[in-house]
Structure formats: structure tokens, C-alpha cells
C-alpha atoms as a PDB file:
ATOM      1  CA  MET A   1       0.978  39.714  23.476  1.00  0.00           C
ATOM      2  CA  LYS A   2      -0.374  36.242  24.154  1.00  0.00           C
ATOM      3  CA  ARG A   3       1.361  33.377  22.352  1.00  0.00           C
ATOM      4  CA  TYR A   4      -0.417  30.439  20.723  1.00  0.00           C
ATOM      5  CA  PHE A   5       1.527  27.329  19.530  1.00  0.00           C
ATOM      6  CA  GLY A   6       4.719  29.359  19.264  1.00  0.00           C
ATOM      7  CA  PHE A   7       3.238  32.285  17.306  1.00  0.00           C
ATOM      8  CA  ARG A   8       1.917  35.598  18.499  1.00  0.00           C
ATOM      9  CA  VAL A   9      -1.857  35.564  18.113  1.00  0.00           C
ATOM     10  CA  SER A  10      -1.912  38.414  15.599  1.00  0.00           C
ATOM     11  CA  ALA A  11       0.752  36.767  13.451  1.00  0.00           C
ATOM     12  CA  TRP A  12      -1.087  33.431  13.618  1.00  0.00           C
ATOM     13  CA  PHE A  13      -4.313  34.918  12.282  1.00  0.00           C
ATOM     14  CA  ALA A  14      -2.372  36.775   9.601  1.00  0.00           C
ATOM     15  CA  VAL A  15      -0.814  33.505   8.419  1.00  0.00           C
ATOM     16  CA  LEU A  16      -4.192  31.776   8.369  1.00  0.00           C
ATOM     17  CA  LEU A  17      -5.719  34.631   6.376  1.00  0.00           C
ATOM     18  CA  ALA A  18      -2.845  34.457   3.913  1.00  0.00           C
ATOM     19  CA  ALA A  19      -3.333  30.703   3.689  1.00  0.00           C
ATOM     20  CA  ILE A  20      -6.991  31.021   2.840  1.00  0.00           C
ATOM     21  CA  LEU A  21      -6.396  33.737   0.251  1.00  0.00           C
ATOM     22  CA  LEU A  22      -3.443  32.007  -1.409  1.00  0.00           C
ATOM     23  CA  ALA A  23      -5.155  28.631  -1.442  1.00  0.00           C
ATOM     24  CA  GLY A  24      -8.239  30.136  -3.068  1.00  0.00           C
ATOM     25  CA  LYS A  25      -6.167  32.001  -5.615  1.00  0.00           C
ATOM     26  CA  CYS A  26      -4.183  28.915  -6.544  1.00  0.00           C
ATOM     27  CA  GLN A  27      -7.299  26.784  -6.733  1.00  0.00           C
ATOM     28  CA  SER A  28      -9.018  29.104  -9.194  1.00  0.00           C
ATOM     29  CA  ALA A  29      -5.873  29.690 -11.240  1.00  0.00           C
ATOM     30  CA  ASP A  30      -4.884  26.070 -11.786  1.00  0.00           C
ATOM     31  CA  PRO A  31      -7.539  23.353 -11.666  1.00  0.00           C
ATOM     32  CA  GLN A  32      -4.830  20.694 -11.879  1.00  0.00           C
ATOM     33  CA  THR A  33      -3.629  21.634  -8.384  1.00  0.00           C
ATOM     34  CA  SER A  34      -6.964  22.372  -6.757  1.00  0.00           C
ATOM     35  CA  GLY A  35      -8.022  21.312  -3.310  1.00  0.00           C
ATOM     36  CA  ALA A  36      -9.210  17.862  -4.384  1.00  0.00           C
ATOM     37  CA  PRO A  37      -6.910  15.018  -3.310  1.00  0.00           C
ATOM     38  CA  THR A  38      -4.446  13.856  -5.915  1.00  0.00           C
ATOM     39  CA  ASN A  39      -5.951  11.043  -7.986  1.00  0.00           C
ATOM     40  CA  ALA A  40      -4.651   7.524  -7.541  1.00  0.00           C
ATOM     41  CA  LEU A  41      -1.123   7.425  -8.909  1.00  0.00           C
ATOM     42  CA  SER A  42      -0.510   5.693 -12.202  1.00  0.00           C
ATOM     43  CA  THR A  43       1.228   2.337 -12.425  1.00  0.00           C
ATOM     44  CA  ASN A  44       4.264   4.062 -13.938  1.00  0.00           C
ATOM     45  CA  ALA A  45       4.390   6.608 -11.138  1.00  0.00           C
ATOM     46  CA  LEU A  46       4.275   3.894  -8.491  1.00  0.00           C
ATOM     47  CA  SER A  47       6.724   1.584 -10.229  1.00  0.00           C
ATOM     48  CA  LYS A  48       9.649   3.875  -9.452  1.00  0.00           C
ATOM     49  CA  TRP A  49       9.144   3.148  -5.745  1.00  0.00           C
ATOM     50  CA  GLU A  50       8.856  -0.602  -6.213  1.00  0.00           C
ATOM     51  CA  PRO A  51      12.558  -1.415  -5.566  1.00  0.00           C
ATOM     52  CA  GLU A  52      12.505   0.516  -2.278  1.00  0.00           C
ATOM     53  CA  ILE A  53       9.199  -0.978  -1.171  1.00  0.00           C
ATOM     54  CA  GLN A  54      10.433  -4.481  -1.971  1.00  0.00           C
ATOM     55  CA  THR A  55      13.563  -3.750   0.048  1.00  0.00           C
ATOM     56  CA  PHE A  56      11.382  -2.847   3.036  1.00  0.00           C
ATOM     57  CA  GLU A  57       9.397  -6.058   2.621  1.00  0.00           C
ATOM     58  CA  GLN A  58      12.549  -8.147   2.394  1.00  0.00           C
ATOM     59  CA  MET A  59      13.926  -6.460   5.529  1.00  0.00           C
ATOM     60  CA  ASP A  60      10.693  -7.314   7.328  1.00  0.00           C
ATOM     61  CA  LYS A  61      11.105 -10.993   6.453  1.00  0.00           C
ATOM     62  CA  THR A  62      14.659 -11.225   7.770  1.00  0.00           C
ATOM     63  CA  ASN A  63      14.274  -8.863  10.723  1.00  0.00           C
ATOM     64  CA  GLN A  64      10.676  -8.622  11.852  1.00  0.00           C
ATOM     65  CA  PRO A  65       9.902  -5.053  12.977  1.00  0.00           C
ATOM     66  CA  PRO A  66       8.268  -4.494  16.359  1.00  0.00           C
ATOM     67  CA  GLU A  67       4.519  -4.024  16.558  1.00  0.00           C
ATOM     68  CA  ALA A  68       3.052  -1.030  18.396  1.00  0.00           C
ATOM     69  CA  ALA A  69       6.090   1.033  17.389  1.00  0.00           C
ATOM     70  CA  VAL A  70       6.227   4.629  16.202  1.00  0.00           C
ATOM     71  CA  LEU A  71       6.288   4.531  12.412  1.00  0.00           C
ATOM     72  CA  PHE A  72       8.435   7.284  10.869  1.00  0.00           C
ATOM     73  CA  LEU A  73       7.141   7.655   7.337  1.00  0.00           C
ATOM     74  CA  GLY A  74       7.712   9.991   4.420  1.00  0.00           C
ATOM     75  CA  SER A  75      10.333  11.332   2.070  1.00  0.00           C
ATOM     76  CA  SER A  76      14.120  11.688   2.121  1.00  0.00           C
ATOM     77  CA  SER A  77      14.260  13.491   5.462  1.00  0.00           C
ATOM     78  CA  ILE A  78      13.008  10.231   6.973  1.00  0.00           C
ATOM     79  CA  ARG A  79      14.976   7.960   4.641  1.00  0.00           C
ATOM     80  CA  MET A  80      18.262   9.701   5.512  1.00  0.00           C
ATOM     81  CA  TRP A  81      17.660   9.718   9.276  1.00  0.00           C
ATOM     82  CA  LYS A  82      20.138   6.885   9.799  1.00  0.00           C
ATOM     83  CA  THR A  83      20.516   7.589  13.527  1.00  0.00           C
ATOM     84  CA  LEU A  84      16.784   7.443  14.235  1.00  0.00           C
ATOM     85  CA  ALA A  85      16.912   4.325  16.435  1.00  0.00           C
ATOM     86  CA  GLU A  86      19.781   5.815  18.432  1.00  0.00           C
ATOM     87  CA  ASP A  87      18.123   9.229  18.700  1.00  0.00           C
ATOM     88  CA  MET A  88      14.860   7.642  19.876  1.00  0.00           C
ATOM     89  CA  GLU A  89      16.515   5.154  22.223  1.00  0.00           C
ATOM     90  CA  GLY A  90      13.949   3.574  24.508  1.00  0.00           C
ATOM     91  CA  ILE A  91      11.144   4.149  21.986  1.00  0.00           C
ATOM     92  CA  LYS A  92      10.291   1.396  19.513  1.00  0.00           C
ATOM     93  CA  THR A  93      10.543   2.806  15.987  1.00  0.00           C
ATOM     94  CA  VAL A  94      10.195   1.700  12.379  1.00  0.00           C
ATOM     95  CA  ARG A  95      11.703   3.943   9.669  1.00  0.00           C
ATOM     96  CA  ARG A  96      10.091   3.827   6.239  1.00  0.00           C
ATOM     97  CA  GLY A  97      11.146   6.846   4.212  1.00  0.00           C
ATOM     98  CA  PHE A  98      11.568   6.787   0.445  1.00  0.00           C
ATOM     99  CA  GLY A  99      13.371   9.720  -1.141  1.00  0.00           C
ATOM    100  CA  GLY A 100      11.537  11.992  -3.547  1.00  0.00           C
ATOM    101  CA  SER A 101       8.120  10.788  -2.440  1.00  0.00           C
ATOM    102  CA  ARG A 102       5.085  13.003  -2.109  1.00  0.00           C
ATOM    103  CA  ILE A 103       2.177  12.752   0.314  1.00  0.00           C
ATOM    104  CA  ALA A 104      -0.007  10.870  -2.163  1.00  0.00           C
ATOM    105  CA  ASP A 105       2.675   8.213  -2.601  1.00  0.00           C
ATOM    106  CA  SER A 106       2.413   7.201   1.052  1.00  0.00           C
ATOM    107  CA  THR A 107      -1.368   7.177   0.778  1.00  0.00           C
ATOM    108  CA  GLU A 108      -1.341   4.951  -2.288  1.00  0.00           C
ATOM    109  CA  LEU A 109       1.185   2.567  -0.746  1.00  0.00           C
ATOM    110  CA  ALA A 110      -0.298   2.475   2.761  1.00  0.00           C
ATOM    111  CA  GLU A 111      -1.283  -1.191   2.457  1.00  0.00           C
ATOM    112  CA  ARG A 112       2.412  -2.039   2.171  1.00  0.00           C
ATOM    113  CA  ILE A 113       4.243   0.606   4.216  1.00  0.00           C
ATOM    114  CA  VAL A 114       1.748   1.411   6.990  1.00  0.00           C
ATOM    115  CA  PHE A 115      -0.821  -1.284   7.694  1.00  0.00           C
ATOM    116  CA  PRO A 116       1.545  -4.264   8.182  1.00  0.00           C
ATOM    117  CA  TYR A 117       3.339  -2.534  11.085  1.00  0.00           C
ATOM    118  CA  LYS A 118       0.276  -1.925  13.256  1.00  0.00           C
ATOM    119  CA  PRO A 119       1.935   1.200  14.674  1.00  0.00           C
ATOM    120  CA  ARG A 120       0.902   2.954  17.855  1.00  0.00           C
ATOM    121  CA  MET A 121       1.643   6.303  16.171  1.00  0.00           C
ATOM    122  CA  ILE A 122       2.809   7.700  12.828  1.00  0.00           C
ATOM    123  CA  VAL A 123       5.314  10.520  12.502  1.00  0.00           C
ATOM    124  CA  PHE A 124       4.881  11.795   8.956  1.00  0.00           C
ATOM    125  CA  TYR A 125       7.235  14.045   7.018  1.00  0.00           C
ATOM    126  CA  ALA A 126       6.164  14.819   3.458  1.00  0.00           C
ATOM    127  CA  GLY A 127       5.055  17.823   1.451  1.00  0.00           C
ATOM    128  CA  ASP A 128       8.526  19.166   0.736  1.00  0.00           C
ATOM    129  CA  ASN A 129       8.610  17.469  -2.664  1.00  0.00           C
ATOM    130  CA  ASP A 130       4.971  18.371  -3.309  1.00  0.00           C
ATOM    131  CA  ILE A 131       5.780  22.063  -2.972  1.00  0.00           C
ATOM    132  CA  ALA A 132       8.914  21.671  -5.105  1.00  0.00           C
ATOM    133  CA  ALA A 133       6.687  20.147  -7.810  1.00  0.00           C
ATOM    134  CA  LYS A 134       4.476  23.258  -7.550  1.00  0.00           C
ATOM    135  CA  ALA A 135       1.573  21.710  -5.702  1.00  0.00           C
ATOM    136  CA  THR A 136      -0.476  24.430  -4.044  1.00  0.00           C
ATOM    137  CA  PRO A 137      -0.861  24.673  -0.264  1.00  0.00           C
ATOM    138  CA  ASP A 138      -4.491  23.770  -0.881  1.00  0.00           C
ATOM    139  CA  GLN A 139      -3.353  20.528  -2.517  1.00  0.00           C
ATOM    140  CA  VAL A 140      -0.882  19.715   0.247  1.00  0.00           C
ATOM    141  CA  LEU A 141      -3.703  19.961   2.778  1.00  0.00           C
ATOM    142  CA  ALA A 142      -6.091  17.890   0.666  1.00  0.00           C
ATOM    143  CA  ASP A 143      -3.518  15.153   0.168  1.00  0.00           C
ATOM    144  CA  PHE A 144      -2.665  15.010   3.861  1.00  0.00           C
ATOM    145  CA  LYS A 145      -6.372  14.755   4.673  1.00  0.00           C
ATOM    146  CA  ALA A 146      -6.631  11.860   2.209  1.00  0.00           C
ATOM    147  CA  PHE A 147      -3.709  10.133   3.919  1.00  0.00           C
ATOM    148  CA  VAL A 148      -5.303  10.576   7.349  1.00  0.00           C
ATOM    149  CA  GLN A 149      -8.665   9.305   6.132  1.00  0.00           C
ATOM    150  CA  LYS A 150      -7.145   6.170   4.610  1.00  0.00           C
ATOM    151  CA  VAL A 151      -5.125   5.380   7.727  1.00  0.00           C
ATOM    152  CA  HIS A 152      -8.028   6.066  10.074  1.00  0.00           C
ATOM    153  CA  LYS A 153     -10.325   3.866   8.038  1.00  0.00           C
ATOM    154  CA  HIS A 154      -7.958   0.986   8.857  1.00  0.00           C
ATOM    155  CA  PHE A 155      -6.821   2.171  12.304  1.00  0.00           C
ATOM    156  CA  PRO A 156      -9.484   4.481  13.754  1.00  0.00           C
ATOM    157  CA  ASN A 157      -8.085   7.354  15.833  1.00  0.00           C
ATOM    158  CA  LEU A 158      -4.464   6.271  15.367  1.00  0.00           C
ATOM    159  CA  PRO A 159      -2.297   9.251  16.407  1.00  0.00           C
ATOM    160  CA  ILE A 160      -0.650  10.885  13.387  1.00  0.00           C
ATOM    161  CA  ALA A 161       1.909  13.648  13.796  1.00  0.00           C
ATOM    162  CA  PHE A 162       2.678  15.880  10.824  1.00  0.00           C
ATOM    163  CA  VAL A 163       6.210  17.275  10.991  1.00  0.00           C
ATOM    164  CA  SER A 164       6.114  20.749   9.469  1.00  0.00           C
ATOM    165  CA  ILE A 165       7.656  21.203   6.045  1.00  0.00           C
ATOM    166  CA  LYS A 166      11.158  22.460   6.723  1.00  0.00           C
ATOM    167  CA  PRO A 167      12.654  25.697   5.412  1.00  0.00           C
ATOM    168  CA  SER A 168      15.747  25.313   3.227  1.00  0.00           C
ATOM    169  CA  MET A 169      17.804  27.620   1.058  1.00  0.00           C
ATOM    170  CA  ALA A 170      17.615  25.084  -1.782  1.00  0.00           C
ATOM    171  CA  ARG A 171      13.853  25.726  -1.979  1.00  0.00           C
ATOM    172  CA  TRP A 172      13.732  29.250  -0.610  1.00  0.00           C
ATOM    173  CA  GLU A 173      11.859  30.521  -3.672  1.00  0.00           C
ATOM    174  CA  ARG A 174       8.893  28.413  -2.476  1.00  0.00           C
ATOM    175  CA  ILE A 175       9.013  29.602   1.137  1.00  0.00           C
ATOM    176  CA  ASP A 176       5.647  31.409   0.973  1.00  0.00           C
ATOM    177  CA  GLN A 177       3.934  28.226  -0.217  1.00  0.00           C
ATOM    178  CA  ILE A 178       5.691  26.272   2.542  1.00  0.00           C
ATOM    179  CA  ARG A 179       4.527  28.714   5.223  1.00  0.00           C
ATOM    180  CA  VAL A 180       0.940  28.618   3.994  1.00  0.00           C
ATOM    181  CA  SER A 181       0.930  24.824   3.670  1.00  0.00           C
ATOM    182  CA  ASN A 182       2.186  24.490   7.234  1.00  0.00           C
ATOM    183  CA  ALA A 183      -0.470  26.910   8.483  1.00  0.00           C
ATOM    184  CA  LEU A 184      -3.273  25.010   6.751  1.00  0.00           C
ATOM    185  CA  VAL A 185      -2.102  21.615   8.011  1.00  0.00           C
ATOM    186  CA  ARG A 186      -1.611  22.995  11.505  1.00  0.00           C
ATOM    187  CA  HIS A 187      -5.160  24.334  11.569  1.00  0.00           C
ATOM    188  CA  TYR A 188      -6.479  20.969  10.360  1.00  0.00           C
ATOM    189  CA  CYS A 189      -4.509  19.068  13.024  1.00  0.00           C
ATOM    190  CA  GLU A 190      -5.959  21.309  15.721  1.00  0.00           C
ATOM    191  CA  SER A 191      -9.450  20.196  14.684  1.00  0.00           C
ATOM    192  CA  ASP A 192      -8.843  16.497  15.440  1.00  0.00           C
ATOM    193  CA  HIS A 193      -7.602  15.152  18.780  1.00  0.00           C
ATOM    194  CA  SER A 194      -5.866  12.226  17.036  1.00  0.00           C
ATOM    195  CA  LEU A 195      -3.651  14.573  15.000  1.00  0.00           C
ATOM    196  CA  LYS A 196      -0.594  16.505  16.084  1.00  0.00           C
ATOM    197  CA  TYR A 197       1.392  19.214  14.331  1.00  0.00           C
ATOM    198  CA  ILE A 198       5.092  19.275  15.195  1.00  0.00           C
ATOM    199  CA  ASP A 199       6.771  22.577  14.371  1.00  0.00           C
ATOM    200  CA  VAL A 200      10.385  22.111  13.303  1.00  0.00           C
ATOM    201  CA  PHE A 201      10.180  25.081  10.935  1.00  0.00           C
ATOM    202  CA  THR A 202      10.532  27.843  13.514  1.00  0.00           C
ATOM    203  CA  LEU A 203      13.692  26.622  15.241  1.00  0.00           C
ATOM    204  CA  MET A 204      15.413  25.986  11.926  1.00  0.00           C
ATOM    205  CA  LEU A 205      15.497  29.723  11.203  1.00  0.00           C
ATOM    206  CA  GLY A 206      18.233  32.074  12.351  1.00  0.00           C
ATOM    207  CA  CYS A 207      17.967  35.662  13.573  1.00  0.00           C
ATOM    208  CA  ASP A 208      17.967  36.830   9.944  1.00  0.00           C
ATOM    209  CA  GLY A 209      14.857  34.773   9.205  1.00  0.00           C
ATOM    210  CA  LYS A 210      16.767  32.403   6.921  1.00  0.00           C
ATOM    211  CA  PRO A 211      17.469  28.675   7.447  1.00  0.00           C
ATOM    212  CA  LEU A 212      20.476  27.980   9.678  1.00  0.00           C
ATOM    213  CA  PRO A 213      23.156  26.674   7.270  1.00  0.00           C
ATOM    214  CA  GLU A 214      24.812  24.558   9.962  1.00  0.00           C
ATOM    215  CA  LEU A 215      21.772  22.253   9.955  1.00  0.00           C
ATOM    216  CA  PHE A 216      22.160  21.164   6.328  1.00  0.00           C
ATOM    217  CA  GLU A 217      24.305  19.076   4.050  1.00  0.00           C
ATOM    218  CA  SER A 218      26.199  20.857   1.272  1.00  0.00           C
ATOM    219  CA  ASP A 219      23.113  20.680  -0.970  1.00  0.00           C
ATOM    220  CA  LEU A 220      21.358  23.070   1.469  1.00  0.00           C
ATOM    221  CA  LEU A 221      18.310  20.794   1.329  1.00  0.00           C
ATOM    222  CA  HIS A 222      18.945  17.648   3.361  1.00  0.00           C
ATOM    223  CA  LEU A 223      19.681  17.622   7.070  1.00  0.00           C
ATOM    224  CA  ASN A 224      23.095  16.822   8.516  1.00  0.00           C
ATOM    225  CA  ARG A 225      23.754  15.372  11.968  1.00  0.00           C
ATOM    226  CA  ALA A 226      23.184  18.754  13.637  1.00  0.00           C
ATOM    227  CA  GLY A 227      19.860  19.062  11.849  1.00  0.00           C
ATOM    228  CA  TYR A 228      18.709  15.664  13.065  1.00  0.00           C
ATOM    229  CA  LYS A 229      19.824  16.470  16.598  1.00  0.00           C
ATOM    230  CA  LEU A 230      17.551  19.514  16.490  1.00  0.00           C
ATOM    231  CA  TRP A 231      14.673  17.433  15.133  1.00  0.00           C
ATOM    232  CA  THR A 232      15.250  14.874  17.883  1.00  0.00           C
ATOM    233  CA  ARG A 233      15.049  17.585  20.521  1.00  0.00           C
ATOM    234  CA  ILE A 234      11.736  18.789  19.085  1.00  0.00           C
ATOM    235  CA  ILE A 235      10.078  15.490  18.097  1.00  0.00           C
ATOM    236  CA  ARG A 236      11.113  13.071  20.850  1.00  0.00           C
ATOM    237  CA  PRO A 237       9.130  14.786  23.658  1.00  0.00           C
ATOM    238  CA  GLN A 238       6.009  14.466  21.505  1.00  0.00           C
ATOM    239  CA  LEU A 239       6.386  10.672  21.506  1.00  0.00           C
ATOM    240  CA  GLU A 240       6.963  10.154  25.211  1.00  0.00           C
END
């Protein structure tokens, strides 16, 4: 059977159908996690990131980051990618991950962690913590759309790549929501030539359909060196 973006066609349409049904169900069941973008975060919510954001700004003063680089942005999977510059050798990069963050955090803080770098592309990993906090797939999509809209208002048509939410045993109970969120975001990315969906999810699964344990730290959530090597193999060709 013909393949499309790594899925068999029949499976792809099944996932999309499940996404639509689950998103609708979640939206009607819980108005607090409907498809509307998350409201602007409160001062208290943003204040917890202030030390990390100030650290970034201080780093920029002492070691000016390159312009027209690829900005790696998002949560702890970006923050903990200590070998990023080495793994992306020959490609100018800026790494701005802050652990525990959700999609809306990057949107709210874009003036400080996106706009100053004038990137040529953004590689975005977030949504993992959103799902853990019981955001619906519908909400994940809405918040990513809000992020894209804010960035594109400042940098029209800037390429943005969404790295699929990874599977992990630590959050296996939320795997259905992760699958549906990825399917919805993937479909959205396919509708806009400036967006790209990078699938790391599929190759992180073993023959048993479970996450490969050798890719993770002992917490079974964060990537180890082997996990980042796999991500490098998948993501780097999309930047070249």
C-alpha cells in the first residue's frame, strides 16, 4: 500500500479521524482546554521563567549569538541538548530551551527569546509538558497556531519546524493524546509551505510499539546521548 510521510495511507486517515473525534470530544467535555489558544500567561506564571530568560540575555551580551542561525526553541528536550552545536557542526545554531515550558510560554516570551535572534529558521520542540498537564490535542494545535501567527507577524514566512512530541514510558498513559496531537499538528504543517513537521516519534519506537529504553535517561523521559544522536540523524537533513 502506498506510503505517505512515513505512514500507510489507511493508517494516516485513521489517525486523522481519531484526532478529529478526540479533539471534538475533549473540547465539548472541558471548556477550559478547548481549541482556543491559551490566554496570555499571568505575571506569576511567567515569573518562574525569568531567571532563565535573564541568563539567556546575559549570555547574549557577553557572547553575541550569530544572526540568520537556526533557533532551537522549546522545553527541556532542547535545554538538555548540550551537544547541539557539535551535532549540527557547520550549521549556525542558537539553543534556547527552558525546562518545563509549554507552547504558550514560548509564544508569550517571543519578544525576548525569538525576535532578537533574527533566525533563518526555528526548530520547535514543545507540547510534551502541555499533554502532561492534560491539555487536549485540540489545545496543543491551537497553541502552536498562535505561536506561528505571532512569529509570522514579525517574520513573515519564516520557516518553522515542529519536532513531533516524543513517546516516553514516563508519560505512556498519555500516548493516545500525544499521537492525536502529532497528527493534528502534522496536518496543519502540511497546509502551509513555511511549516515543516519533523517526525521523531516513529523511530523512537521498538518492534513492540513501545519507546526504545536505550534512548532515555533513567527517568525514562529525557533523552540520553543515544537519543540525541537519533534526533540529529532525523533533524539535521531537514536543515541542510
